[in-house]
Amino acid sequence: MEKLQYISQGNTLQEQKLNISKALENGIQWIQVRWKNAPENKLAKLCETSKLLCSDYQAVCIINDHVQLAKEIDADGVHLGLGDDSVEEARSVLGDHRIIGGTANTILDVLRRINESCDYIGLGPLRFTSTKEKLSPVLGFEGYRKIIDNLKEKSMEIPKIFAIGGVSLEDIIPLQEAGIYGVSVSGVITKQPSIINEFKKVMI
């Protein structure tokens, strides 16, 4: 599983498509299509286009929240928020071979996600971010360390945890030292797609 995920950004269909295209051109291998409060028909169009673009670049394309839409466009999977469908429901729709990721904010959320057998956990936020409307309590590096330590104390296998929420290039090494598998990045890559190569170098 790739260690760097780009979460798409943009207020219009054109902005979203442009940002996704730029990320792919600059070497991203995994995109999560996320466009909150979008009109249904435009979101469907974006997801369709994104899947085709990702196929051209042999990149993974997953859809935020919308399980049925992910199935319709034959996406590689879906990312579920804490208030969305359960992982079990998504599995029954998408099948065993699709990627299903889930959001978490606390150790209880992480344990729930492990119990649900999701493929990866988006844990955050690392710090304040303006890309999320209802932001969960900020974790900081210490928050990640505590959660990983808690899992180790329980002698549990550490799942593939992705840090999310205001992540920058400088955060990668301390996050990896804390035991985090990968990162989901939105704003930094949107503003400067060429930084993808820098992320990849650090995240070997």
Protein backbone atom coordinates (compact mmCIF):
# COMPACT_ATOMS: atom_id res chain seq x y z
CA MET A 1 0.00 0.00 0.00
CA GLU A 2 1.30 3.43 -0.99
CA LYS A 3 2.34 5.65 1.95
CA LEU A 4 1.21 8.95 0.43
CA GLN A 5 -2.41 9.75 -0.34
CA TYR A 6 -3.67 12.97 -1.93
CA ILE A 7 -7.11 14.10 -0.78
CA SER A 8 -8.59 16.15 -3.58
CA GLN A 9 -9.46 19.79 -3.07
CA GLY A 10 -11.43 22.41 -4.99
CA ASN A 11 -14.73 24.28 -4.84
CA THR A 12 -15.80 23.55 -8.42
CA LEU A 13 -15.67 20.58 -10.75
CA GLN A 14 -12.99 22.32 -12.81
CA GLU A 15 -10.82 23.08 -9.75
CA GLN A 16 -11.09 19.52 -8.50
CA LYS A 17 -10.22 18.01 -11.88
CA LEU A 18 -7.27 20.37 -12.33
CA ASN A 19 -5.86 19.63 -8.87
CA ILE A 20 -6.22 15.86 -9.35
CA SER A 21 -4.59 16.05 -12.80
CA LYS A 22 -1.66 18.07 -11.44
CA ALA A 23 -1.13 15.64 -8.56
CA LEU A 24 -1.08 12.70 -11.01
CA GLU A 25 1.28 14.51 -13.38
CA ASN A 26 3.64 15.04 -10.44
CA GLY A 27 3.71 11.37 -9.49
CA ILE A 28 0.96 10.77 -6.93
CA GLN A 29 -0.07 7.11 -6.89
CA TRP A 30 -3.14 7.28 -4.66
CA ILE A 31 -6.02 9.73 -4.76
CA GLN A 32 -8.99 10.06 -2.44
CA VAL A 33 -11.72 12.00 -4.25
CA ARG A 34 -13.28 14.28 -1.64
CA TRP A 35 -15.74 17.06 -2.48
CA LYS A 36 -18.06 17.82 0.40
CA ASN A 37 -21.47 19.43 -0.26
CA ALA A 38 -21.10 18.96 -4.02
CA PRO A 39 -24.21 18.62 -6.22
CA GLU A 40 -24.82 14.89 -6.74
CA ASN A 41 -24.50 14.95 -10.53
CA LYS A 42 -21.25 16.94 -10.44
CA LEU A 43 -19.74 14.68 -7.78
CA ALA A 44 -20.61 11.65 -9.91
CA LYS A 45 -18.97 13.30 -12.91
CA LEU A 46 -15.85 14.12 -10.89
CA CYS A 47 -15.56 10.57 -9.58
CA GLU A 48 -15.99 9.14 -13.08
CA THR A 49 -13.34 11.46 -14.52
CA SER A 50 -10.97 10.83 -11.60
CA LYS A 51 -11.22 7.06 -12.04
CA LEU A 52 -10.32 7.39 -15.73
CA LEU A 53 -7.42 9.76 -14.96
CA CYS A 54 -6.10 7.43 -12.25
CA SER A 55 -6.33 4.47 -14.64
CA ASP A 56 -4.22 6.39 -17.18
CA TYR A 57 -1.53 6.90 -14.53
CA GLN A 58 -2.01 3.46 -12.94
CA ALA A 59 -2.88 5.18 -9.68
CA VAL A 60 -5.32 4.08 -6.99
CA CYS A 61 -8.65 5.95 -6.89
CA ILE A 62 -10.86 5.82 -3.82
CA ILE A 63 -14.01 7.80 -3.09
CA ASN A 64 -14.74 9.65 0.14
CA ASP A 65 -18.02 8.55 1.84
CA HIS A 66 -20.05 7.40 -1.16
CA VAL A 67 -20.04 3.61 -1.25
CA GLN A 68 -22.65 3.18 -3.98
CA LEU A 69 -20.93 5.72 -6.21
CA ALA A 70 -17.61 3.93 -5.68
CA LYS A 71 -19.26 0.73 -6.88
CA GLU A 72 -20.90 2.37 -9.90
CA ILE A 73 -17.66 3.83 -11.25
CA ASP A 74 -15.61 0.74 -10.29
CA ALA A 75 -13.33 2.74 -7.98
CA ASP A 76 -10.56 0.97 -6.09
CA GLY A 77 -12.31 1.58 -2.80
CA VAL A 78 -13.85 4.02 -0.37
CA HIS A 79 -12.92 6.07 2.69
CA LEU A 80 -15.54 6.18 5.46
CA GLY A 81 -15.99 8.86 8.09
CA LEU A 82 -17.04 7.96 11.63
CA GLY A 83 -20.67 8.82 10.84
CA ASP A 84 -20.81 7.02 7.47
CA ASP A 85 -21.76 3.46 6.55
CA SER A 86 -19.99 0.75 8.51
CA VAL A 87 -17.00 -1.05 7.01
CA GLU A 88 -19.09 -4.24 7.01
CA GLU A 89 -21.84 -2.57 4.94
CA ALA A 90 -19.28 -1.17 2.52
CA ARG A 91 -17.65 -4.61 2.16
CA SER A 92 -21.00 -6.19 1.33
CA VAL A 93 -21.47 -3.64 -1.48
CA LEU A 94 -17.90 -3.44 -2.82
CA GLY A 95 -16.57 -6.93 -2.15
CA ASP A 96 -13.43 -8.16 -0.41
CA HIS A 97 -10.92 -6.96 -3.01
CA ARG A 98 -11.60 -3.21 -2.62
CA ILE A 99 -9.73 -0.85 -0.28
CA ILE A 100 -11.81 0.37 2.64
CA GLY A 101 -10.32 3.03 4.87
CA GLY A 102 -11.85 4.58 7.96
CA THR A 103 -11.44 7.81 9.90
CA ALA A 104 -10.42 7.78 13.58
CA ASN A 105 -9.68 10.42 16.21
CA THR A 106 -9.26 8.49 19.48
CA ILE A 107 -7.88 5.16 20.66
CA LEU A 108 -11.48 3.89 20.87
CA ASP A 109 -12.03 4.83 17.22
CA VAL A 110 -8.81 3.04 16.25
CA LEU A 111 -9.85 -0.10 18.15
CA ARG A 112 -13.24 0.04 16.44
CA ARG A 113 -11.59 0.33 13.01
CA ILE A 114 -9.24 -2.59 13.80
CA ASN A 115 -12.26 -4.62 14.90
CA GLU A 116 -14.03 -3.76 11.65
CA SER A 117 -11.01 -4.99 9.65
CA CYS A 118 -10.66 -1.84 7.58
CA ASP A 119 -7.57 -1.74 5.35
CA TYR A 120 -6.12 1.47 6.72
CA ILE A 121 -7.00 4.14 9.29
CA GLY A 122 -6.94 7.89 8.66
CA LEU A 123 -6.07 9.18 12.13
CA GLY A 124 -6.11 12.86 12.95
CA PRO A 125 -6.07 15.72 12.81
CA LEU A 126 -2.37 16.29 13.42
CA ARG A 127 -3.06 20.04 13.71
CA PHE A 128 -5.75 22.55 12.80
CA THR A 129 -6.81 22.43 9.16
CA SER A 130 -9.30 24.57 7.29
CA THR A 131 -10.18 21.79 4.81
CA LYS A 132 -12.40 20.05 7.36
CA GLU A 133 -15.69 21.64 8.43
CA LYS A 134 -16.24 19.78 11.71
CA LEU A 135 -12.74 19.28 13.03
CA SER A 136 -12.16 16.62 15.69
CA PRO A 137 -9.85 17.42 18.64
CA VAL A 138 -6.28 18.01 17.44
CA LEU A 139 -3.90 15.12 18.27
CA GLY A 140 -0.42 16.57 17.74
CA PHE A 141 2.60 14.24 17.62
CA GLU A 142 2.09 13.28 21.27
CA GLY A 143 -1.46 12.10 20.51
CA TYR A 144 -0.18 9.72 17.83
CA ARG A 145 2.55 8.40 20.11
CA LYS A 146 0.07 7.71 22.90
CA ILE A 147 -2.27 5.79 20.60
CA ILE A 148 0.56 3.68 19.13
CA ASP A 149 1.95 3.01 22.64
CA ASN A 150 -1.53 2.00 23.80
CA LEU A 151 -1.78 -0.56 20.99
CA LYS A 152 1.68 -1.91 21.81
CA GLU A 153 0.71 -2.27 25.49
CA LYS A 154 -2.26 -4.35 24.36
CA SER A 155 0.18 -6.44 22.25
CA MET A 156 -1.85 -5.59 19.18
CA GLU A 157 -0.51 -5.53 15.67
CA ILE A 158 -0.13 -1.89 14.58
CA PRO A 159 -2.49 -1.24 11.65
CA LYS A 160 -1.65 0.92 8.64
CA ILE A 161 -2.31 4.33 10.20
CA PHE A 162 -2.22 7.46 8.05
CA ALA A 163 -1.76 10.84 9.70
CA ILE A 164 -4.17 13.45 8.40
CA GLY A 165 -4.90 17.11 9.02
CA GLY A 166 -2.45 19.87 8.16
CA VAL A 167 0.43 17.47 7.46
CA SER A 168 3.55 19.06 5.94
CA LEU A 169 6.83 17.66 4.63
CA GLU A 170 8.66 18.46 7.88
CA ASP A 171 6.20 16.26 9.81
CA ILE A 172 7.04 13.01 8.01
CA ILE A 173 10.09 11.91 10.02
CA PRO A 174 8.59 12.61 13.48
CA LEU A 175 5.37 10.85 12.40
CA GLN A 176 7.27 7.81 11.18
CA GLU A 177 9.27 7.79 14.41
CA ALA A 178 5.96 7.75 16.28
CA GLY A 179 4.97 4.60 14.36
CA ILE A 180 2.70 6.09 11.68
CA TYR A 181 2.60 4.18 8.37
CA GLY A 182 1.70 6.98 5.94
CA VAL A 183 0.13 10.39 5.43
CA SER A 184 -2.94 11.82 3.71
CA VAL A 185 -2.22 15.30 2.39
CA SER A 186 -4.52 17.87 0.82
CA GLY A 187 -3.61 21.55 1.06
CA VAL A 188 0.18 21.33 0.67
CA ILE A 189 -0.05 19.22 -2.50
CA THR A 190 -2.85 21.34 -3.94
CA LYS A 191 -0.72 24.48 -3.54
CA GLN A 192 2.52 22.87 -4.72
CA PRO A 193 2.07 19.57 -6.61
CA SER A 194 5.81 19.31 -7.30
CA ILE A 195 6.36 18.64 -3.57
CA ILE A 196 5.06 15.09 -4.10
CA ASN A 197 8.57 13.94 -5.07
CA GLU A 198 9.98 15.40 -1.86
CA PHE A 199 7.38 13.49 0.18
CA LYS A 200 8.24 10.27 -1.66
CA LYS A 201 11.96 10.67 -0.97
CA VAL A 202 11.38 11.06 2.76
CA MET A 203 8.81 8.27 2.98
CA ILE A 204 10.84 5.35 1.66
